[in-house]
Amino acid sequence: MIKFLDLQKINAPFAVRYRESLTEILDRGWFIMGRECEAFERAFAQYCGTGHCIGTGNGLDALVLILRAYVHLGRLKPGDGVIVPANTYIASILAIIQAGLEPILCEPDERSFNLSPSEVEKAISPRTRAILAVHLYGRLTDMENLSALAKKHDLLLIEDAAQAHGARLKSGKAGSLGDAAGFSFYPGKNLGALGDAGAVTTNNGELARTVRMLRNYGSEQKYFNEIPGFNSRLDELQAAFLQIRLSELDRENALRREIATRYRKEISNPLVMLPDDADDAHVYHLFVVRCDRRDALQEHLKVRNVETLIHYPVPPHRQNALPQFRALNFPITERIHDQVLSLPISPALTPDEVSVVIEAVNNFR
């Protein structure tokens, strides 16, 4: 079986360095908010091209903390509207709700899967105060036009960069293209930890200070709490692992692009729609094809020992957790969720395995 994602193979080249870091941290006896976290924050801020990086417990917390910080600073207030793609993982929407704000769901561009600036402009109303741009599947949203819209309407522009580590435009990398960005380092991400982890990046010093306090019970000095906060800190062990992985991120992203190039060039099946090429603006966290007979295609590939996944089978507005959106109609989003299938793509995939996937897709009838 060609696994959809083989985390053992992906992490195997780093195993010796992981064990060395584990030993050092055990010997040091400092496990939270120490020098490993500080070192990773500096390294990732430099990598993204931002002035600040704040490690968090996970990617959802990173988004919640950004929004909560803007509420604390008075830039947002409870009930304000935040435009977010209807076609996204539910975490993007949960972050808005958990921050006391109102999600405004918006149809995506059908080719890129990301927010359509024209649809965003239609969705802007007097209660809209922010845009949450999700770089879905590793492809950057049209940040140039969204930035112009945000400036025109005095809106915050926040990136959900959980799937886009290292993706870049001429104007900069994911994490540096808006007012702030939330990252996830869930193990399956392009930059993955060995557990849950996340981060906030920003060039806004006041926002960074507030997020730092919020993640640590609202405190800058131990036992002195300035604001009501949370517990969402990047632990030393995950920070050390992430520093190791960060050094190889660009190389691994290049391997993902090579596989994606082969898929786009060599898959030839009129029943299967391939994603557009987006050059360095796409790091192919996922390689997502579309097919009207998606379930049959998935079963066909399974029989041929190719594991696939569906990202995602149920759109957020159809989830039981969000009944307030159930009456809404998003035909593009619903069509995408009925058709998408993610093929294996990772730095651990061999050329022969890529060939097997291509042949299996091409043989689907």
Protein backbone atom coordinates (compact mmCIF):
# COMPACT_ATOMS: atom_id res chain seq x y z
CA MET A 1 0.00 0.00 0.00
CA ILE A 2 1.24 3.49 -0.90
CA LYS A 3 0.28 5.39 2.22
CA PHE A 4 -1.36 8.76 1.87
CA LEU A 5 1.08 10.11 4.46
CA ASP A 6 3.88 8.03 5.97
CA LEU A 7 4.97 10.00 9.03
CA GLN A 8 7.50 7.35 10.03
CA LYS A 9 9.35 7.74 6.73
CA ILE A 10 9.07 11.53 6.82
CA ASN A 11 10.56 11.77 10.32
CA ALA A 12 13.13 8.97 10.01
CA PRO A 13 15.93 11.24 8.64
CA PHE A 14 15.60 13.44 11.73
CA ALA A 15 15.45 10.68 14.35
CA VAL A 16 19.04 11.00 15.61
CA ARG A 17 18.76 14.77 15.98
CA TYR A 18 15.38 14.41 17.68
CA ARG A 19 16.85 12.03 20.24
CA GLU A 20 19.79 14.35 20.86
CA SER A 21 17.41 17.25 21.49
CA LEU A 22 15.28 15.13 23.80
CA THR A 23 18.35 14.19 25.86
CA GLU A 24 19.50 17.81 26.09
CA ILE A 25 16.07 18.97 27.25
CA LEU A 26 15.80 16.17 29.80
CA ASP A 27 19.23 17.02 31.16
CA ARG A 28 18.37 20.71 31.29
CA GLY A 29 15.09 20.09 33.11
CA TRP A 30 13.29 23.13 31.61
CA PHE A 31 10.22 22.12 29.61
CA ILE A 32 8.00 25.20 29.08
CA MET A 33 8.84 28.73 27.85
CA GLY A 34 12.58 28.20 27.68
CA ARG A 35 15.43 28.77 25.27
CA GLU A 36 14.23 26.21 22.69
CA CYS A 37 10.93 28.05 22.29
CA GLU A 38 12.70 31.40 22.08
CA ALA A 39 15.16 30.07 19.50
CA PHE A 40 12.41 28.65 17.32
CA GLU A 41 10.39 31.85 17.56
CA ARG A 42 13.40 33.85 16.34
CA ALA A 43 14.14 31.38 13.55
CA PHE A 44 10.57 31.14 12.29
CA ALA A 45 10.06 34.92 12.39
CA GLN A 46 13.21 35.31 10.31
CA TYR A 47 12.08 32.56 7.93
CA CYS A 48 8.65 34.16 7.40
CA GLY A 49 10.07 37.69 7.22
CA THR A 50 8.22 39.08 10.23
CA GLY A 51 9.31 40.98 13.29
CA HIS A 52 7.63 38.63 15.73
CA CYS A 53 6.70 34.97 16.20
CA ILE A 54 4.84 33.69 19.25
CA GLY A 55 4.66 29.94 19.82
CA THR A 56 1.28 28.51 20.82
CA GLY A 57 -0.18 25.15 21.79
CA ASN A 58 -1.77 24.52 18.37
CA GLY A 59 -2.98 26.20 15.21
CA LEU A 60 -6.55 26.81 16.34
CA ASP A 61 -5.27 28.61 19.44
CA ALA A 62 -3.01 30.74 17.24
CA LEU A 63 -6.02 32.08 15.33
CA VAL A 64 -8.13 32.54 18.47
CA LEU A 65 -5.31 34.43 20.19
CA ILE A 66 -4.89 36.80 17.24
CA LEU A 67 -8.58 37.64 17.23
CA ARG A 68 -8.80 37.86 21.03
CA ALA A 69 -5.79 40.18 21.05
CA TYR A 70 -7.44 42.49 18.52
CA VAL A 71 -10.57 42.53 20.71
CA HIS A 72 -8.47 43.41 23.75
CA LEU A 73 -6.74 46.18 21.81
CA GLY A 74 -10.08 47.60 20.68
CA ARG A 75 -9.50 46.91 17.00
CA LEU A 76 -12.36 44.39 17.08
CA LYS A 77 -15.37 44.14 19.35
CA PRO A 78 -17.67 41.19 20.19
CA GLY A 79 -20.10 40.49 17.36
CA ASP A 80 -17.98 42.02 14.60
CA GLY A 81 -18.08 40.19 11.30
CA VAL A 82 -15.09 38.28 9.91
CA ILE A 83 -15.23 37.09 6.30
CA VAL A 84 -13.98 33.51 5.94
CA PRO A 85 -14.19 31.02 3.07
CA ALA A 86 -17.12 28.61 3.24
CA ASN A 87 -14.72 26.06 1.76
CA THR A 88 -12.31 25.54 4.64
CA TYR A 89 -11.56 23.28 7.56
CA ILE A 90 -13.91 23.99 10.46
CA ALA A 91 -11.06 25.30 12.66
CA SER A 92 -11.01 28.59 10.73
CA ILE A 93 -14.65 29.19 11.62
CA LEU A 94 -14.38 27.90 15.18
CA ALA A 95 -11.59 30.41 15.86
CA ILE A 96 -13.87 33.30 14.91
CA ILE A 97 -16.71 31.98 17.08
CA GLN A 98 -14.44 31.29 20.05
CA ALA A 99 -13.18 34.87 19.88
CA GLY A 100 -16.75 36.16 20.23
CA LEU A 101 -16.97 37.29 16.61
CA GLU A 102 -19.36 36.45 13.77
CA PRO A 103 -18.20 34.35 10.78
CA ILE A 104 -19.38 35.64 7.40
CA LEU A 105 -19.07 32.68 5.04
CA CYS A 106 -18.00 33.45 1.49
CA GLU A 107 -17.82 31.32 -1.65
CA PRO A 108 -14.30 30.50 -2.93
CA ASP A 109 -12.79 30.78 -6.37
CA GLU A 110 -13.57 27.41 -7.91
CA ARG A 111 -10.14 26.90 -9.50
CA SER A 112 -7.89 27.91 -6.59
CA PHE A 113 -10.25 26.79 -3.78
CA ASN A 114 -9.34 30.04 -1.96
CA LEU A 115 -11.24 33.26 -1.28
CA SER A 116 -12.38 35.11 -4.36
CA PRO A 117 -11.74 38.85 -3.95
CA SER A 118 -14.86 39.66 -5.97
CA GLU A 119 -17.00 37.49 -3.69
CA VAL A 120 -15.33 39.00 -0.63
CA GLU A 121 -16.22 42.51 -1.81
CA LYS A 122 -19.87 41.46 -2.23
CA ALA A 123 -19.87 40.10 1.34
CA ILE A 124 -18.53 43.26 2.98
CA SER A 125 -21.12 45.08 5.09
CA PRO A 126 -20.97 47.78 7.79
CA ARG A 127 -20.46 45.10 10.45
CA THR A 128 -17.47 43.54 8.65
CA ARG A 129 -14.21 44.30 10.41
CA ALA A 130 -11.79 41.61 9.21
CA ILE A 131 -10.97 39.04 6.52
CA LEU A 132 -9.54 35.64 7.42
CA ALA A 133 -7.74 34.40 4.31
CA VAL A 134 -7.19 30.63 4.38
CA HIS A 135 -4.32 29.40 2.21
CA LEU A 136 -6.05 26.10 1.55
CA TYR A 137 -4.07 22.98 0.56
CA GLY A 138 -0.84 25.04 0.59
CA ARG A 139 -1.75 27.58 -2.10
CA LEU A 140 -1.60 31.26 -1.24
CA THR A 141 -4.77 33.28 -1.54
CA ASP A 142 -4.83 36.32 -3.86
CA MET A 143 -3.33 38.50 -1.12
CA GLU A 144 -2.57 41.45 -3.37
CA ASN A 145 -6.22 42.07 -4.21
CA LEU A 146 -7.40 41.15 -0.70
CA SER A 147 -4.90 43.63 0.75
CA ALA A 148 -6.28 46.35 -1.51
CA LEU A 149 -9.83 45.49 -0.40
CA ALA A 150 -8.83 45.49 3.26
CA LYS A 151 -7.17 48.87 2.91
CA LYS A 152 -10.14 50.32 1.00
CA HIS A 153 -12.63 49.24 3.68
CA ASP A 154 -10.34 49.59 6.73
CA LEU A 155 -10.42 45.86 7.50
CA LEU A 156 -7.91 43.64 9.23
CA LEU A 157 -6.41 40.98 6.97
CA ILE A 158 -5.43 37.82 8.85
CA GLU A 159 -3.85 34.71 7.34
CA ASP A 160 -4.80 31.17 8.25
CA ALA A 161 -1.46 29.76 7.10
CA ALA A 162 -1.88 26.34 8.72
CA GLN A 163 -1.24 24.55 5.39
CA ALA A 164 1.12 27.00 3.68
CA HIS A 165 4.50 26.94 5.45
CA GLY A 166 7.05 28.40 3.05
CA ALA A 167 4.68 29.41 0.26
CA ARG A 168 5.72 32.73 -1.21
CA LEU A 169 4.73 35.62 -3.43
CA LYS A 170 6.96 38.43 -4.69
CA SER A 171 5.76 40.49 -1.72
CA GLY A 172 6.80 37.86 0.84
CA LYS A 173 6.10 34.50 2.41
CA ALA A 174 3.01 33.11 4.07
CA GLY A 175 2.84 34.62 7.53
CA SER A 176 4.02 38.05 6.41
CA LEU A 177 1.31 39.00 3.92
CA GLY A 178 -1.36 40.31 6.30
CA ASP A 179 -1.68 41.98 9.69
CA ALA A 180 -1.03 38.67 11.44
CA ALA A 181 -1.01 34.95 10.69
CA GLY A 182 -1.79 31.72 12.50
CA PHE A 183 0.21 28.54 11.80
CA SER A 184 -0.37 24.93 12.77
CA PHE A 185 2.51 22.49 13.21
CA TYR A 186 0.29 19.41 13.47
CA PRO A 187 2.43 16.34 12.58
CA GLY A 188 1.03 16.03 9.05
CA LYS A 189 1.81 19.63 8.03
CA ASN A 190 4.70 20.58 5.75
CA LEU A 191 6.44 21.80 8.90
CA GLY A 192 5.20 19.27 11.42
CA ALA A 193 6.00 18.68 15.08
CA LEU A 194 5.65 15.35 16.89
CA GLY A 195 2.47 16.55 18.56
CA ASP A 196 0.29 19.62 18.60
CA ALA A 197 1.97 23.01 18.17
CA GLY A 198 1.27 26.37 16.54
CA ALA A 199 2.47 29.94 16.18
CA VAL A 200 1.43 33.51 15.47
CA THR A 201 3.51 35.75 13.21
CA THR A 202 3.12 39.52 12.86
CA ASN A 203 4.99 42.79 12.38
CA ASN A 204 2.77 44.53 14.93
CA GLY A 205 4.69 44.81 18.21
CA GLU A 206 1.62 45.73 20.27
CA LEU A 207 -0.30 42.74 18.93
CA ALA A 208 2.68 40.43 19.56
CA ARG A 209 2.97 41.60 23.18
CA THR A 210 -0.74 41.03 23.74
CA VAL A 211 -0.66 37.54 22.19
CA ARG A 212 2.35 36.66 24.36
CA MET A 213 0.40 37.63 27.46
CA LEU A 214 -2.81 35.92 26.38
CA ARG A 215 -1.07 32.59 25.69
CA ASN A 216 0.39 32.61 29.22
CA TYR A 217 -2.59 33.34 31.48
CA GLY A 218 -2.44 37.06 30.62
CA SER A 219 0.96 37.37 32.26
CA GLU A 220 4.35 38.83 31.35
CA GLN A 221 5.81 38.18 34.80
CA LYS A 222 5.10 34.96 36.66
CA TYR A 223 2.15 35.28 39.10
CA PHE A 224 1.37 38.83 37.91
CA ASN A 225 -1.58 38.74 35.50
CA GLU A 226 -2.40 41.84 33.46
CA ILE A 227 -5.37 40.56 31.41
CA PRO A 228 -7.62 37.46 31.41
CA GLY A 229 -5.63 34.95 29.40
CA PHE A 230 -5.33 31.33 28.35
CA ASN A 231 -2.85 28.47 28.57
CA SER A 232 -1.50 27.87 25.06
CA ARG A 233 2.27 27.63 25.03
CA LEU A 234 4.70 25.94 22.64
CA ASP A 235 6.62 23.45 24.76
CA GLU A 236 10.40 23.06 24.63
CA LEU A 237 10.40 19.62 23.08
CA GLN A 238 8.17 20.52 20.13
CA ALA A 239 10.08 23.78 19.62
CA ALA A 240 13.34 21.85 19.40
CA PHE A 241 11.88 19.36 16.92
CA LEU A 242 10.49 22.22 14.81
CA GLN A 243 13.89 23.93 14.64
CA ILE A 244 15.31 20.72 13.20
CA ARG A 245 12.53 20.38 10.63
CA LEU A 246 12.63 24.07 9.67
CA SER A 247 16.18 23.69 8.34
CA GLU A 248 14.84 21.24 5.72
CA LEU A 249 11.49 22.86 4.93
CA ASP A 250 12.46 24.52 1.64
CA ARG A 251 14.08 21.32 0.38
CA GLU A 252 11.02 19.27 1.28
CA ASN A 253 8.68 21.81 -0.31
CA ALA A 254 10.76 21.58 -3.50
CA LEU A 255 10.24 17.79 -3.49
CA ARG A 256 6.50 18.31 -3.12
CA ARG A 257 6.53 20.64 -6.14
CA GLU A 258 8.45 18.07 -8.18
CA ILE A 259 5.82 15.44 -7.44
CA ALA A 260 3.04 17.91 -8.23
CA THR A 261 4.71 18.73 -11.54
CA ARG A 262 4.77 15.04 -12.46
CA TYR A 263 1.13 14.63 -11.51
CA ARG A 264 0.10 17.62 -13.63
CA LYS A 265 2.16 16.52 -16.62
CA GLU A 266 1.55 12.78 -16.55
CA ILE A 267 -1.98 12.33 -15.25
CA SER A 268 -4.20 12.37 -18.30
CA ASN A 269 -7.77 11.32 -17.63
CA PRO A 270 -10.76 13.36 -18.82
CA LEU A 271 -12.67 12.27 -15.70
CA VAL A 272 -10.11 13.86 -13.36
CA MET A 273 -9.61 17.62 -12.97
CA LEU A 274 -6.12 18.67 -11.83
CA PRO A 275 -5.22 21.74 -9.76
CA ASP A 276 -3.62 24.76 -11.40
CA ASP A 277 0.11 25.34 -11.11
CA ALA A 278 0.87 28.27 -8.81
CA ASP A 279 4.71 28.14 -8.78
CA ASP A 280 6.22 29.17 -5.44
CA ALA A 281 2.81 30.35 -4.21
CA HIS A 282 1.90 26.68 -3.71
CA VAL A 283 3.73 24.28 -1.39
CA TYR A 284 1.34 21.36 -2.03
CA HIS A 285 0.46 20.45 1.51
CA LEU A 286 -2.18 18.51 -0.41
CA PHE A 287 -2.54 17.61 -4.08
CA VAL A 288 -6.29 17.73 -4.60
CA VAL A 289 -8.00 16.51 -7.76
CA ARG A 290 -11.70 16.70 -8.58
CA CYS A 291 -13.90 14.01 -10.05
CA ASP A 292 -17.67 13.75 -10.48
CA ARG A 293 -17.35 10.08 -9.49
CA ARG A 294 -15.02 10.78 -6.57
CA ASP A 295 -16.06 7.81 -4.43
CA ALA A 296 -15.60 5.41 -7.32
CA LEU A 297 -12.17 6.89 -8.05
CA GLN A 298 -11.17 6.49 -4.41
CA GLU A 299 -12.26 2.84 -4.40
CA HIS A 300 -10.47 2.23 -7.72
CA LEU A 301 -7.22 3.59 -6.21
CA LYS A 302 -7.68 1.61 -3.00
CA VAL A 303 -7.93 -1.62 -4.95
CA ARG A 304 -4.63 -0.66 -6.61
CA ASN A 305 -3.00 -0.06 -3.21
CA VAL A 306 -3.04 3.75 -3.38
CA GLU A 307 -4.37 5.36 -0.20
CA THR A 308 -6.22 8.67 -0.59
CA LEU A 309 -8.15 11.01 1.70
CA ILE A 310 -11.01 13.48 1.26
CA HIS A 311 -10.31 17.06 2.36
CA TYR A 312 -13.08 17.61 3.31
CA PRO A 313 -16.22 15.43 2.97
CA VAL A 314 -18.64 17.82 4.75
CA PRO A 315 -18.49 21.62 4.38
CA PRO A 316 -18.64 23.62 7.63
CA HIS A 317 -22.14 24.98 6.99
CA ARG A 318 -23.41 21.39 6.86
CA GLN A 319 -21.71 20.28 10.08
CA ASN A 320 -23.86 19.44 13.10
CA ALA A 321 -21.58 21.63 15.20
CA LEU A 322 -22.68 24.75 13.27
CA PRO A 323 -26.48 24.56 12.98
CA GLN A 324 -26.72 28.36 12.64
CA PHE A 325 -25.36 28.07 9.08
CA ARG A 326 -27.34 25.05 7.91
CA ALA A 327 -29.93 27.05 5.97
CA LEU A 328 -27.25 28.80 3.91
CA ASN A 329 -26.60 27.77 0.33
CA PHE A 330 -23.07 27.67 -1.11
CA PRO A 331 -23.24 25.71 -4.38
CA ILE A 332 -19.55 26.11 -5.31
CA THR A 333 -18.42 24.98 -1.87
CA GLU A 334 -20.84 22.05 -1.86
CA ARG A 335 -19.75 20.95 -5.33
CA ILE A 336 -16.09 21.08 -4.31
CA HIS A 337 -16.73 18.98 -1.20
CA ASP A 338 -18.57 16.39 -3.29
CA GLN A 339 -15.75 16.10 -5.84
CA VAL A 340 -12.36 16.51 -4.14
CA LEU A 341 -9.88 13.71 -3.52
CA SER A 342 -6.33 14.13 -2.17
CA LEU A 343 -3.60 12.02 -3.75
CA PRO A 344 -0.44 11.01 -1.85
CA ILE A 345 2.20 13.75 -1.84
CA SER A 346 5.08 14.02 0.60
CA PRO A 347 8.89 14.29 0.64
CA ALA A 348 9.02 10.57 1.47
CA LEU A 349 7.21 9.47 -1.70
CA THR A 350 9.56 7.71 -4.14
CA PRO A 351 9.55 8.25 -7.94
CA ASP A 352 8.33 4.68 -8.44
CA GLU A 353 5.44 5.27 -6.04
CA VAL A 354 4.54 8.46 -7.90
CA SER A 355 4.48 6.42 -11.12
CA VAL A 356 2.11 3.88 -9.56
CA VAL A 357 -0.27 6.66 -8.49
CA ILE A 358 -0.20 8.23 -11.96
CA GLU A 359 -0.86 4.92 -13.72
CA ALA A 360 -3.70 4.09 -11.35
CA VAL A 361 -5.42 7.44 -11.89
CA ASN A 362 -4.99 7.21 -15.64
CA ASN A 363 -6.60 3.73 -15.67
CA PHE A 364 -9.77 4.91 -13.97
CA ARG A 365 -12.86 4.57 -16.18
